[in-house]
Amino acid sequence: MLTPEELEGLRETQAASLYATCTRQRIGRVMDAHGTWTEAPTSEVEYACRAWQGSEADAGAGDSALGERQAGRRTWTITLPWNADVRHGDRLVVDGAALEVRAVAFRGEHATALVAHCVEGL
């Protein structure tokens, strides 16, 4: 069992490895002046992150079904702080690439990071 101090130390180490930044956009339905509904970002938050083109599914080490469902679209794995507010359906903008979050891996109270599996090409 980890002590709170040990867990905090692990989280700090993980945070130090997040060398890039991304913008999390929460997408919602917004009505324009003409009464037409469109999907648009309703909130944005900046996070430190580590981005990798490809995913465990691409390498065959993870959920192969996820990789099969994304055939023809570039996949990304984005590592974020453990307490980042990111969920399925959000958009992450990393180095100008707009990515759709398709799955989020969170390991509970002892998590040191949150991992988002995304696809490019919205």
N, C-alpha and C. Protein backbone atom coordinates (compact mmCIF):
# COMPACT_ATOMS: atom_id res chain seq x y z
N MET A 1 0.84 -1.18 0.00
CA MET A 1 0.00 0.00 0.00
C MET A 1 0.88 1.24 0.00
N LEU A 2 0.54 2.18 -0.85
CA LEU A 2 1.29 3.43 -0.94
C LEU A 2 0.81 4.41 0.13
N THR A 3 1.77 5.15 0.67
CA THR A 3 1.40 6.24 1.57
C THR A 3 0.98 7.42 0.70
N PRO A 4 0.25 8.37 1.26
CA PRO A 4 -0.12 9.56 0.48
C PRO A 4 1.11 10.30 -0.06
N GLU A 5 2.18 10.33 0.71
CA GLU A 5 3.41 11.01 0.29
C GLU A 5 4.05 10.29 -0.90
N GLU A 6 4.07 8.96 -0.85
CA GLU A 6 4.63 8.18 -1.97
C GLU A 6 3.81 8.39 -3.24
N LEU A 7 2.49 8.36 -3.10
CA LEU A 7 1.62 8.57 -4.25
C LEU A 7 1.83 9.95 -4.84
N GLU A 8 1.93 10.96 -4.00
CA GLU A 8 2.17 12.32 -4.49
C GLU A 8 3.52 12.40 -5.21
N GLY A 9 4.53 11.72 -4.70
CA GLY A 9 5.84 11.69 -5.36
C GLY A 9 5.76 11.05 -6.74
N LEU A 10 5.01 9.96 -6.86
CA LEU A 10 4.84 9.30 -8.15
C LEU A 10 4.10 10.21 -9.14
N ARG A 11 3.10 10.92 -8.64
CA ARG A 11 2.35 11.83 -9.51
C ARG A 11 3.23 12.99 -9.97
N GLU A 12 4.09 13.48 -9.10
CA GLU A 12 5.00 14.56 -9.48
C GLU A 12 5.99 14.08 -10.54
N THR A 13 6.49 12.86 -10.40
CA THR A 13 7.40 12.29 -11.39
C THR A 13 6.70 12.15 -12.73
N GLN A 14 5.49 11.65 -12.72
CA GLN A 14 4.71 11.51 -13.96
C GLN A 14 4.47 12.88 -14.59
N ALA A 15 4.09 13.87 -13.78
CA ALA A 15 3.81 15.21 -14.29
C ALA A 15 5.05 15.82 -14.95
N ALA A 16 6.23 15.53 -14.42
CA ALA A 16 7.46 16.07 -14.98
C ALA A 16 7.74 15.51 -16.37
N SER A 17 7.14 14.38 -16.71
CA SER A 17 7.37 13.77 -18.03
C SER A 17 6.38 14.26 -19.09
N LEU A 18 5.45 15.11 -18.70
CA LEU A 18 4.45 15.63 -19.64
C LEU A 18 5.02 16.90 -20.28
N TYR A 19 5.70 16.74 -21.41
CA TYR A 19 6.51 17.79 -22.01
C TYR A 19 5.76 18.71 -22.97
N ALA A 20 4.56 18.36 -23.36
CA ALA A 20 3.80 19.17 -24.33
C ALA A 20 2.56 19.73 -23.65
N THR A 21 1.77 20.47 -24.41
CA THR A 21 0.49 20.95 -23.90
C THR A 21 -0.60 20.62 -24.91
N CYS A 22 -1.81 20.53 -24.40
CA CYS A 22 -2.96 20.32 -25.27
C CYS A 22 -4.13 21.12 -24.72
N THR A 23 -5.10 21.32 -25.56
CA THR A 23 -6.32 22.01 -25.16
C THR A 23 -7.46 21.01 -25.21
N ARG A 24 -8.14 20.85 -24.08
CA ARG A 24 -9.32 19.98 -24.05
C ARG A 24 -10.53 20.85 -24.36
N GLN A 25 -11.27 20.48 -25.39
CA GLN A 25 -12.49 21.18 -25.75
C GLN A 25 -13.66 20.25 -25.45
N ARG A 26 -14.56 20.71 -24.63
CA ARG A 26 -15.80 19.97 -24.36
C ARG A 26 -16.79 20.41 -25.43
N ILE A 27 -17.32 19.46 -26.16
CA ILE A 27 -18.19 19.76 -27.29
C ILE A 27 -19.65 19.68 -26.85
N GLY A 28 -20.40 20.68 -27.22
CA GLY A 28 -21.82 20.70 -26.89
C GLY A 28 -22.63 21.23 -28.06
N ARG A 29 -23.91 21.15 -27.93
CA ARG A 29 -24.81 21.68 -28.98
C ARG A 29 -25.12 23.13 -28.64
N VAL A 30 -24.92 24.00 -29.64
CA VAL A 30 -25.10 25.44 -29.46
C VAL A 30 -26.06 25.94 -30.54
N MET A 31 -27.01 26.79 -30.14
CA MET A 31 -27.97 27.35 -31.09
C MET A 31 -27.45 28.71 -31.58
N ASP A 32 -27.46 28.90 -32.90
CA ASP A 32 -27.04 30.19 -33.45
C ASP A 32 -28.23 31.16 -33.49
N ALA A 33 -27.99 32.35 -34.01
CA ALA A 33 -29.02 33.39 -34.04
C ALA A 33 -30.22 33.02 -34.90
N HIS A 34 -30.06 32.04 -35.78
CA HIS A 34 -31.15 31.63 -36.67
C HIS A 34 -31.90 30.40 -36.14
N GLY A 35 -31.52 29.93 -34.95
CA GLY A 35 -32.20 28.78 -34.37
C GLY A 35 -31.68 27.43 -34.82
N THR A 36 -30.52 27.44 -35.48
CA THR A 36 -29.91 26.20 -35.96
C THR A 36 -28.95 25.68 -34.91
N TRP A 37 -29.05 24.38 -34.62
CA TRP A 37 -28.16 23.76 -33.64
C TRP A 37 -26.91 23.24 -34.34
N THR A 38 -25.75 23.53 -33.77
CA THR A 38 -24.49 23.00 -34.27
C THR A 38 -23.66 22.51 -33.09
N GLU A 39 -22.70 21.64 -33.38
CA GLU A 39 -21.77 21.20 -32.34
C GLU A 39 -20.58 22.15 -32.33
N ALA A 40 -20.23 22.60 -31.14
CA ALA A 40 -19.12 23.54 -30.99
C ALA A 40 -18.53 23.39 -29.60
N PRO A 41 -17.26 23.81 -29.43
CA PRO A 41 -16.68 23.77 -28.09
C PRO A 41 -17.44 24.68 -27.14
N THR A 42 -17.80 24.16 -25.97
CA THR A 42 -18.50 24.97 -24.98
C THR A 42 -17.58 25.35 -23.82
N SER A 43 -16.43 24.66 -23.70
CA SER A 43 -15.43 25.03 -22.70
C SER A 43 -14.08 24.52 -23.16
N GLU A 44 -13.02 25.20 -22.71
CA GLU A 44 -11.67 24.80 -23.06
C GLU A 44 -10.79 24.86 -21.81
N VAL A 45 -9.89 23.87 -21.69
CA VAL A 45 -8.94 23.82 -20.58
C VAL A 45 -7.59 23.38 -21.15
N GLU A 46 -6.52 24.01 -20.70
CA GLU A 46 -5.16 23.62 -21.10
C GLU A 46 -4.61 22.61 -20.12
N TYR A 47 -3.95 21.56 -20.64
CA TYR A 47 -3.29 20.56 -19.81
C TYR A 47 -1.89 20.29 -20.34
N ALA A 48 -1.01 19.92 -19.45
CA ALA A 48 0.27 19.35 -19.85
C ALA A 48 -0.04 17.95 -20.37
N CYS A 49 0.74 17.47 -21.32
CA CYS A 49 0.48 16.15 -21.86
C CYS A 49 1.73 15.55 -22.49
N ARG A 50 1.63 14.30 -22.83
CA ARG A 50 2.62 13.60 -23.64
C ARG A 50 1.83 12.92 -24.74
N ALA A 51 2.21 13.17 -25.99
CA ALA A 51 1.44 12.66 -27.13
C ALA A 51 2.27 11.68 -27.93
N TRP A 52 1.62 10.62 -28.37
CA TRP A 52 2.26 9.61 -29.19
C TRP A 52 1.32 9.21 -30.30
N GLN A 53 1.78 9.33 -31.54
CA GLN A 53 0.95 8.87 -32.66
C GLN A 53 1.00 7.36 -32.69
N GLY A 54 -0.17 6.78 -32.69
CA GLY A 54 -0.29 5.34 -32.57
C GLY A 54 -0.83 5.02 -31.20
N SER A 55 -1.19 3.78 -30.96
CA SER A 55 -1.72 3.39 -29.66
C SER A 55 -1.29 1.98 -29.37
N GLU A 56 -1.54 1.54 -28.15
CA GLU A 56 -1.25 0.16 -27.79
C GLU A 56 -2.03 -0.78 -28.70
N ALA A 57 -3.23 -0.37 -29.08
CA ALA A 57 -4.04 -1.22 -29.96
C ALA A 57 -3.34 -1.42 -31.30
N ASP A 58 -2.68 -0.36 -31.80
CA ASP A 58 -1.96 -0.48 -33.06
C ASP A 58 -0.82 -1.49 -32.94
N ALA A 59 -0.19 -1.54 -31.77
CA ALA A 59 0.94 -2.43 -31.57
C ALA A 59 0.50 -3.84 -31.21
N GLY A 60 -0.80 -4.02 -31.03
CA GLY A 60 -1.32 -5.35 -30.70
C GLY A 60 -1.25 -5.66 -29.22
N ALA A 61 -0.85 -4.69 -28.39
CA ALA A 61 -0.71 -4.95 -26.96
C ALA A 61 -1.95 -4.58 -26.18
N GLY A 62 -2.89 -3.87 -26.80
CA GLY A 62 -4.07 -3.40 -26.07
C GLY A 62 -5.34 -3.97 -26.64
N ASP A 63 -6.36 -3.14 -26.66
CA ASP A 63 -7.67 -3.54 -27.14
C ASP A 63 -7.66 -3.55 -28.66
N SER A 64 -7.49 -4.72 -29.27
CA SER A 64 -7.40 -4.79 -30.72
C SER A 64 -8.71 -4.36 -31.37
N ALA A 65 -9.83 -4.54 -30.69
CA ALA A 65 -11.12 -4.13 -31.25
C ALA A 65 -11.15 -2.61 -31.45
N LEU A 66 -10.54 -1.86 -30.52
CA LEU A 66 -10.48 -0.40 -30.66
C LEU A 66 -9.71 -0.05 -31.92
N GLY A 67 -8.58 -0.71 -32.15
CA GLY A 67 -7.79 -0.46 -33.35
C GLY A 67 -8.56 -0.80 -34.61
N GLU A 68 -9.29 -1.90 -34.59
CA GLU A 68 -10.07 -2.30 -35.76
C GLU A 68 -11.18 -1.30 -36.06
N ARG A 69 -11.80 -0.74 -35.02
CA ARG A 69 -12.89 0.22 -35.22
C ARG A 69 -12.37 1.52 -35.82
N GLN A 70 -11.07 1.82 -35.64
CA GLN A 70 -10.51 3.09 -36.11
C GLN A 70 -9.75 2.92 -37.43
N ALA A 71 -9.95 1.81 -38.12
CA ALA A 71 -9.23 1.54 -39.37
C ALA A 71 -9.32 2.74 -40.30
N GLY A 72 -8.18 3.13 -40.83
CA GLY A 72 -8.15 4.24 -41.77
C GLY A 72 -8.00 5.60 -41.11
N ARG A 73 -8.00 5.66 -39.80
CA ARG A 73 -7.83 6.93 -39.10
C ARG A 73 -6.60 6.84 -38.22
N ARG A 74 -5.81 7.89 -38.19
CA ARG A 74 -4.60 7.91 -37.37
C ARG A 74 -4.98 7.95 -35.89
N THR A 75 -4.42 7.05 -35.12
CA THR A 75 -4.71 6.99 -33.68
C THR A 75 -3.60 7.67 -32.89
N TRP A 76 -3.96 8.19 -31.74
CA TRP A 76 -3.03 8.86 -30.84
C TRP A 76 -3.29 8.35 -29.42
N THR A 77 -2.24 8.29 -28.65
CA THR A 77 -2.34 8.04 -27.21
C THR A 77 -1.83 9.29 -26.52
N ILE A 78 -2.67 9.89 -25.69
CA ILE A 78 -2.34 11.13 -24.99
C ILE A 78 -2.34 10.85 -23.49
N THR A 79 -1.19 11.09 -22.85
CA THR A 79 -1.07 10.94 -21.39
C THR A 79 -1.24 12.31 -20.77
N LEU A 80 -2.11 12.39 -19.78
CA LEU A 80 -2.46 13.65 -19.12
C LEU A 80 -2.30 13.51 -17.61
N PRO A 81 -2.35 14.62 -16.87
CA PRO A 81 -2.32 14.51 -15.41
C PRO A 81 -3.44 13.60 -14.90
N TRP A 82 -3.19 12.94 -13.79
CA TRP A 82 -4.13 11.96 -13.24
C TRP A 82 -5.51 12.55 -12.98
N ASN A 83 -5.58 13.84 -12.70
CA ASN A 83 -6.86 14.46 -12.34
C ASN A 83 -7.46 15.31 -13.47
N ALA A 84 -6.99 15.11 -14.70
CA ALA A 84 -7.51 15.87 -15.84
C ALA A 84 -8.98 15.51 -16.08
N ASP A 85 -9.77 16.52 -16.40
CA ASP A 85 -11.20 16.32 -16.70
C ASP A 85 -11.35 16.08 -18.20
N VAL A 86 -11.11 14.85 -18.62
CA VAL A 86 -11.21 14.45 -20.03
C VAL A 86 -12.08 13.21 -20.09
N ARG A 87 -13.01 13.18 -21.05
CA ARG A 87 -13.89 12.02 -21.18
C ARG A 87 -14.20 11.75 -22.65
N HIS A 88 -14.81 10.60 -22.88
CA HIS A 88 -15.20 10.19 -24.22
C HIS A 88 -16.02 11.30 -24.88
N GLY A 89 -15.69 11.61 -26.13
CA GLY A 89 -16.41 12.64 -26.86
C GLY A 89 -15.77 14.01 -26.82
N ASP A 90 -14.81 14.22 -25.90
CA ASP A 90 -14.10 15.49 -25.86
C ASP A 90 -13.18 15.58 -27.07
N ARG A 91 -12.71 16.77 -27.35
CA ARG A 91 -11.71 17.00 -28.40
C ARG A 91 -10.44 17.49 -27.71
N LEU A 92 -9.30 16.89 -28.09
CA LEU A 92 -8.00 17.37 -27.64
C LEU A 92 -7.29 17.95 -28.85
N VAL A 93 -6.75 19.16 -28.70
CA VAL A 93 -5.98 19.78 -29.76
C VAL A 93 -4.52 19.75 -29.33
N VAL A 94 -3.71 18.99 -30.10
CA VAL A 94 -2.30 18.80 -29.80
C VAL A 94 -1.50 19.18 -31.03
N ASP A 95 -0.61 20.15 -30.92
CA ASP A 95 0.22 20.58 -32.05
C ASP A 95 -0.62 20.84 -33.29
N GLY A 96 -1.78 21.45 -33.13
CA GLY A 96 -2.64 21.78 -34.26
C GLY A 96 -3.52 20.65 -34.75
N ALA A 97 -3.32 19.44 -34.24
CA ALA A 97 -4.15 18.30 -34.65
C ALA A 97 -5.36 18.20 -33.74
N ALA A 98 -6.55 18.13 -34.32
CA ALA A 98 -7.79 17.95 -33.55
C ALA A 98 -8.06 16.46 -33.42
N LEU A 99 -8.13 15.99 -32.18
CA LEU A 99 -8.28 14.57 -31.89
C LEU A 99 -9.58 14.32 -31.14
N GLU A 100 -10.30 13.30 -31.53
CA GLU A 100 -11.53 12.92 -30.84
C GLU A 100 -11.20 11.85 -29.80
N VAL A 101 -11.56 12.09 -28.55
CA VAL A 101 -11.32 11.11 -27.49
C VAL A 101 -12.32 9.98 -27.65
N ARG A 102 -11.82 8.75 -27.84
CA ARG A 102 -12.67 7.59 -28.02
C ARG A 102 -12.71 6.70 -26.78
N ALA A 103 -11.67 6.75 -25.95
CA ALA A 103 -11.64 5.95 -24.73
C ALA A 103 -10.68 6.60 -23.75
N VAL A 104 -10.98 6.46 -22.46
CA VAL A 104 -10.12 7.01 -21.41
C VAL A 104 -9.81 5.90 -20.42
N ALA A 105 -8.53 5.74 -20.12
CA ALA A 105 -8.10 4.75 -19.14
C ALA A 105 -7.70 5.48 -17.86
N PHE A 106 -8.36 5.15 -16.78
CA PHE A 106 -8.08 5.75 -15.48
C PHE A 106 -7.97 4.61 -14.48
N ARG A 107 -6.97 4.64 -13.67
CA ARG A 107 -6.68 3.53 -12.78
C ARG A 107 -7.11 3.75 -11.32
N GLY A 108 -8.08 4.59 -11.09
CA GLY A 108 -8.64 4.75 -9.75
C GLY A 108 -7.81 5.63 -8.83
N GLU A 109 -7.99 5.41 -7.55
CA GLU A 109 -7.42 6.32 -6.55
C GLU A 109 -5.89 6.32 -6.53
N HIS A 110 -5.25 5.31 -7.08
CA HIS A 110 -3.79 5.28 -7.12
C HIS A 110 -3.23 5.65 -8.49
N ALA A 111 -4.04 6.27 -9.33
CA ALA A 111 -3.59 6.65 -10.67
C ALA A 111 -2.52 7.73 -10.59
N THR A 112 -1.55 7.63 -11.48
CA THR A 112 -0.54 8.68 -11.61
C THR A 112 -0.71 9.44 -12.91
N ALA A 113 -1.57 8.93 -13.81
CA ALA A 113 -1.85 9.60 -15.08
C ALA A 113 -3.20 9.13 -15.60
N LEU A 114 -3.74 9.92 -16.51
CA LEU A 114 -4.95 9.55 -17.24
C LEU A 114 -4.51 9.39 -18.70
N VAL A 115 -4.92 8.31 -19.34
CA VAL A 115 -4.52 8.06 -20.72
C VAL A 115 -5.76 8.11 -21.61
N ALA A 116 -5.69 8.96 -22.63
CA ALA A 116 -6.80 9.10 -23.58
C ALA A 116 -6.39 8.49 -24.91
N HIS A 117 -7.23 7.61 -25.43
CA HIS A 117 -7.03 7.01 -26.76
C HIS A 117 -7.90 7.81 -27.73
N CYS A 118 -7.26 8.37 -28.75
CA CYS A 118 -7.93 9.32 -29.63
C CYS A 118 -7.75 8.94 -31.09
N VAL A 119 -8.59 9.53 -31.94
CA VAL A 119 -8.44 9.41 -33.38
C VAL A 119 -8.39 10.80 -33.99
N GLU A 120 -7.61 10.91 -35.03
CA GLU A 120 -7.46 12.18 -35.75
C GLU A 120 -8.45 12.21 -36.90
N GLY A 121 -8.82 13.40 -37.27
CA GLY A 121 -9.68 13.54 -38.44
C GLY A 121 -11.13 13.59 -38.09
N LEU A 122 -11.54 14.68 -37.49
CA LEU A 122 -12.93 14.82 -37.06
C LEU A 122 -13.82 15.12 -38.23
